[in-house]
Amino acid sequence: MITGKPKSGKTTLVRAISSHLPNSVGFYTLEIREKGVRVGFKIVDFEGREELLASKNLSSLLRVGKYGVNLPGLEKVVERIKNRLKESKEVDWVVIDEVGKMEMMSEKFYKFLLSLKDSSYNLLFTVGLPYRNWINKHFANIEWWEIHPGNREEVRRNIFQRLGVTNGKK
């Protein structure tokens, strides 16, 4: 589990790690920017398919700050991952970026996370700081890595070493 404040480098790190994980499924979140200003977030799954997660321009009753949240987009990605897990016996890793306020608004996402807690998959999540206690309550044998601008490279090196990845190769 990788945690840290917003803009600490969680997504960048999880993308770097996941590119070295064989037989992995999951998604990461990216900012949507217009003229250099963040206007929303999208979800990109490991097959490169994108869904809108949230936008300033989205009319939604579900809001986080100035962003309307698009639960159907998130839930499409969750369904694709669940289907991939059912179809393939070859999956070793499930990567989720992130367990945060927007994502936890979805009951389907919440239930999907709980379905992973007793699975045999290796899990790599980024976790918003407020959700650390929830993860600790529901998941056993957790290894936490807290990232901030001053330790990004050290955490990256330590995780890669822990996974047996050297010089970008496993």
Protein backbone atom coordinates (compact mmCIF):
# COMPACT_ATOMS: atom_id res chain seq x y z
CA MET A 1 0.00 0.00 0.00
CA ILE A 2 1.38 3.38 -1.02
CA THR A 3 0.04 6.43 0.75
CA GLY A 4 0.81 10.11 0.90
CA LYS A 5 -0.65 13.55 0.46
CA PRO A 6 -2.05 14.71 -2.88
CA LYS A 7 0.72 15.49 -5.40
CA SER A 8 3.25 13.38 -3.45
CA GLY A 9 3.94 11.09 -6.41
CA LYS A 10 1.72 8.08 -5.61
CA THR A 11 0.36 7.65 -9.14
CA THR A 12 3.75 8.16 -10.77
CA LEU A 13 5.23 5.52 -8.50
CA VAL A 14 2.44 2.99 -8.98
CA ARG A 15 2.67 3.39 -12.76
CA ALA A 16 6.42 2.75 -12.64
CA ILE A 17 5.99 -0.30 -10.43
CA SER A 18 3.05 -1.77 -12.32
CA SER A 19 4.95 -1.68 -15.61
CA HIS A 20 7.24 -4.33 -14.06
CA LEU A 21 4.53 -6.56 -12.62
CA PRO A 22 3.82 -9.57 -14.79
CA ASN A 23 0.22 -10.68 -15.16
CA SER A 24 -1.32 -7.59 -13.60
CA VAL A 25 -4.70 -5.92 -13.99
CA GLY A 26 -5.87 -2.62 -12.65
CA PHE A 27 -6.11 1.08 -13.27
CA TYR A 28 -4.51 4.37 -12.50
CA THR A 29 -5.95 7.87 -12.35
CA LEU A 30 -4.71 10.87 -14.26
CA GLU A 31 -5.51 14.54 -14.08
CA ILE A 32 -7.38 16.13 -16.97
CA ARG A 33 -5.91 19.54 -17.70
CA GLU A 34 -7.07 22.38 -19.92
CA LYS A 35 -4.66 25.25 -20.52
CA GLY A 36 -2.55 24.02 -17.60
CA VAL A 37 -5.46 23.97 -15.13
CA ARG A 38 -6.80 20.75 -13.63
CA VAL A 39 -10.46 20.32 -14.60
CA GLY A 40 -10.98 16.69 -13.69
CA PHE A 41 -9.70 13.13 -13.47
CA LYS A 42 -9.83 10.10 -15.70
CA ILE A 43 -9.27 6.43 -15.05
CA VAL A 44 -7.03 4.46 -17.40
CA ASP A 45 -7.07 0.67 -17.20
CA PHE A 46 -4.10 -1.49 -18.10
CA GLU A 47 -5.52 -2.09 -21.57
CA GLY A 48 -5.41 1.68 -22.19
CA ARG A 49 -9.16 2.26 -22.02
CA GLU A 50 -10.21 5.50 -20.36
CA GLU A 51 -13.26 6.58 -18.40
CA LEU A 52 -14.11 9.94 -16.87
CA LEU A 53 -13.94 9.83 -13.07
CA ALA A 54 -14.70 13.44 -12.21
CA SER A 55 -14.94 16.85 -13.80
CA LYS A 56 -15.65 20.44 -12.90
CA ASN A 57 -18.05 20.41 -15.84
CA LEU A 58 -19.94 17.28 -14.81
CA SER A 59 -23.41 17.82 -13.39
CA SER A 60 -23.66 15.26 -10.62
CA LEU A 61 -25.25 15.06 -7.20
CA LEU A 62 -22.06 13.35 -6.06
CA ARG A 63 -19.34 15.92 -5.59
CA VAL A 64 -15.87 16.14 -4.13
CA GLY A 65 -14.97 19.77 -3.86
CA LYS A 66 -15.55 21.40 -7.23
CA TYR A 67 -15.72 18.09 -9.11
CA GLY A 68 -18.82 16.14 -10.10
CA VAL A 69 -18.10 12.42 -9.70
CA ASN A 70 -18.93 9.94 -12.48
CA LEU A 71 -19.56 6.64 -10.69
CA PRO A 72 -20.70 4.83 -13.86
CA GLY A 73 -17.26 5.43 -15.41
CA LEU A 74 -15.47 4.02 -12.37
CA GLU A 75 -17.86 1.08 -12.20
CA LYS A 76 -17.25 0.20 -15.88
CA VAL A 77 -13.55 -0.11 -15.10
CA VAL A 78 -14.25 -2.21 -12.00
CA GLU A 79 -16.47 -4.55 -14.06
CA ARG A 80 -13.76 -4.94 -16.71
CA ILE A 81 -11.21 -5.84 -14.04
CA LYS A 82 -13.60 -8.31 -12.37
CA ASN A 83 -14.26 -9.94 -15.75
CA ARG A 84 -10.55 -10.20 -16.45
CA LEU A 85 -10.02 -11.85 -13.07
CA LYS A 86 -12.76 -14.39 -13.83
CA GLU A 87 -11.42 -15.11 -17.34
CA SER A 88 -7.74 -15.49 -16.53
CA LYS A 89 -6.01 -17.84 -14.14
CA GLU A 90 -2.76 -16.05 -14.98
CA VAL A 91 -3.35 -12.81 -13.03
CA ASP A 92 -0.95 -12.33 -10.13
CA TRP A 93 -1.37 -8.64 -9.31
CA VAL A 94 -4.33 -6.29 -8.88
CA VAL A 95 -3.32 -2.62 -8.98
CA ILE A 96 -5.72 0.11 -7.82
CA ASP A 97 -4.86 3.80 -7.98
CA GLU A 98 -6.54 4.95 -5.75
CA VAL A 99 -8.62 4.13 -2.71
CA GLY A 100 -9.91 7.63 -2.10
CA LYS A 101 -13.00 9.71 -1.49
CA MET A 102 -14.32 9.67 -5.06
CA GLU A 103 -13.81 5.94 -5.50
CA MET A 104 -15.26 4.98 -2.12
CA MET A 105 -18.55 6.68 -3.08
CA SER A 106 -19.19 3.63 -5.24
CA GLU A 107 -20.73 0.62 -3.50
CA LYS A 108 -19.49 -1.57 -6.39
CA PHE A 109 -15.93 -0.34 -5.89
CA TYR A 110 -16.19 -0.82 -2.12
CA LYS A 111 -17.49 -4.39 -2.53
CA PHE A 112 -14.83 -5.14 -5.14
CA LEU A 113 -12.09 -4.11 -2.70
CA LEU A 114 -13.61 -6.33 -0.02
CA SER A 115 -13.68 -9.24 -2.49
CA LEU A 116 -9.91 -8.90 -2.84
CA LYS A 117 -9.11 -9.07 0.87
CA ASP A 118 -9.14 -12.86 1.06
CA SER A 119 -7.97 -13.51 -2.47
CA SER A 120 -4.64 -14.99 -3.49
CA TYR A 121 -3.74 -11.95 -5.61
CA ASN A 122 -0.88 -9.67 -4.76
CA LEU A 123 -2.30 -6.19 -4.23
CA LEU A 124 -0.79 -2.81 -4.99
CA PHE A 125 -2.98 0.13 -4.00
CA THR A 126 -2.47 3.81 -3.56
CA VAL A 127 -4.47 4.90 -0.55
CA GLY A 128 -5.58 8.38 0.39
CA LEU A 129 -4.46 9.19 3.92
CA PRO A 130 -8.02 9.19 5.35
CA TYR A 131 -8.51 5.58 4.17
CA ARG A 132 -5.49 4.01 5.88
CA ASN A 133 -7.59 2.91 8.86
CA TRP A 134 -10.20 1.33 6.57
CA ILE A 135 -7.47 -0.65 4.78
CA ASN A 136 -5.90 -1.69 8.10
CA LYS A 137 -9.30 -2.88 9.35
CA HIS A 138 -10.11 -5.00 6.29
CA PHE A 139 -6.76 -6.25 4.99
CA ALA A 140 -4.09 -8.37 6.70
CA ASN A 141 -0.34 -8.51 6.14
CA ILE A 142 -0.08 -5.00 4.77
CA GLU A 143 3.19 -3.36 3.90
CA TRP A 144 2.81 0.44 3.97
CA TRP A 145 4.98 2.89 2.07
CA GLU A 146 4.43 6.59 2.71
CA ILE A 147 5.71 8.83 -0.03
CA HIS A 148 6.47 12.55 0.00
CA PRO A 149 8.63 14.76 -2.22
CA GLY A 150 11.68 14.23 -0.01
CA ASN A 151 11.68 10.43 -0.16
CA ARG A 152 10.25 9.58 -3.61
CA GLU A 153 13.41 8.02 -5.01
CA GLU A 154 14.22 6.15 -1.81
CA VAL A 155 10.72 4.64 -1.63
CA ARG A 156 10.88 3.74 -5.31
CA ARG A 157 14.25 2.01 -4.87
CA ASN A 158 13.06 0.15 -1.76
CA ILE A 159 9.86 -1.11 -3.39
CA PHE A 160 11.68 -2.18 -6.54
CA GLN A 161 14.25 -3.99 -4.38
CA ARG A 162 11.46 -5.65 -2.36
CA LEU A 163 9.88 -6.88 -5.63
CA GLY A 164 13.20 -8.07 -7.05
CA VAL A 165 13.29 -5.48 -9.82
CA THR A 166 16.74 -4.13 -10.68
CA ASN A 167 17.60 -1.72 -13.46
CA GLY A 168 14.00 -1.83 -14.62
CA LYS A 169 14.08 -5.62 -15.14
CA LYS A 170 12.72 -8.43 -13.05
